[in-house]
Amino acid sequence: MLEQTGLKVSNLYIAQIKKKCGLDVGENFNLPKSENAKQPKCTPEKEEAIMQALKHFGII
């Protein structure tokens, strides 16, 4: 992602977009310690870049 778009994208953002598309996401072993832990939301710019990458690799 960094080479193609110049954006650093975390695995969390990729997982959020995959869930949004209804794709299977692996089990998370790094569970939060509190039930109401905040998760950062993916920006629209990064979301579009992730969608393009998923389309490029034939995932969606």
Protein backbone atom coordinates (compact mmCIF):
# COMPACT_ATOMS: atom_id res chain seq x y z
CA MET A 1 0.00 0.00 0.00
CA LEU A 2 2.81 2.37 0.85
CA GLU A 3 4.51 1.91 -2.53
CA GLN A 4 1.31 2.22 -4.57
CA THR A 5 -0.55 4.99 -2.75
CA GLY A 6 1.94 6.47 -0.31
CA LEU A 7 -0.40 5.61 2.58
CA LYS A 8 0.45 3.51 5.59
CA VAL A 9 -2.48 1.20 6.30
CA SER A 10 -2.77 -0.92 9.43
CA ASN A 11 -4.08 -4.46 9.59
CA LEU A 12 -6.94 -3.14 11.73
CA TYR A 13 -8.16 -0.94 8.88
CA ILE A 14 -7.90 -3.79 6.39
CA ALA A 15 -9.92 -6.04 8.71
CA GLN A 16 -12.59 -3.32 9.15
CA ILE A 17 -13.00 -2.98 5.38
CA LYS A 18 -13.08 -6.76 4.86
CA LYS A 19 -15.84 -7.02 7.49
CA LYS A 20 -17.71 -4.18 5.81
CA CYS A 21 -17.60 -6.14 2.52
CA GLY A 22 -18.77 -9.32 4.26
CA LEU A 23 -15.47 -11.15 3.81
CA ASP A 24 -14.08 -13.67 6.28
CA VAL A 25 -11.66 -12.21 8.79
CA GLY A 26 -9.39 -14.35 10.95
CA GLU A 27 -9.76 -14.61 14.70
CA ASN A 28 -8.16 -11.83 16.72
CA PHE A 29 -5.90 -13.08 19.50
CA ASN A 30 -5.04 -9.57 20.76
CA LEU A 31 -8.35 -8.87 22.42
CA PRO A 32 -8.82 -5.57 24.30
CA LYS A 33 -8.58 -5.71 28.07
CA SER A 34 -11.72 -3.62 28.58
CA GLU A 35 -15.06 -4.22 26.91
CA ASN A 36 -15.56 -0.63 25.75
CA ALA A 37 -12.11 -0.04 24.25
CA LYS A 38 -12.08 2.50 21.42
CA GLN A 39 -11.02 1.46 17.93
CA PRO A 40 -9.86 4.04 15.43
CA LYS A 41 -12.00 4.33 12.31
CA CYS A 42 -10.57 4.06 8.82
CA THR A 43 -10.48 7.34 6.89
CA PRO A 44 -12.37 7.49 3.57
CA GLU A 45 -9.08 7.99 1.70
CA LYS A 46 -7.56 4.85 3.18
CA GLU A 47 -10.81 2.94 2.75
CA GLU A 48 -10.78 3.68 -0.99
CA ALA A 49 -7.13 2.58 -1.26
CA ILE A 50 -7.89 -0.70 0.54
CA MET A 51 -10.91 -1.32 -1.70
CA GLN A 52 -8.75 -0.81 -4.79
CA ALA A 53 -6.14 -3.23 -3.44
CA LEU A 54 -8.77 -5.88 -2.67
CA LYS A 55 -10.16 -5.52 -6.20
CA HIS A 56 -6.65 -5.68 -7.68
CA PHE A 57 -5.93 -8.99 -5.94
CA GLY A 58 -9.34 -10.42 -6.88
CA ILE A 59 -10.59 -10.66 -3.32
CA ILE A 60 -13.74 -8.71 -4.11
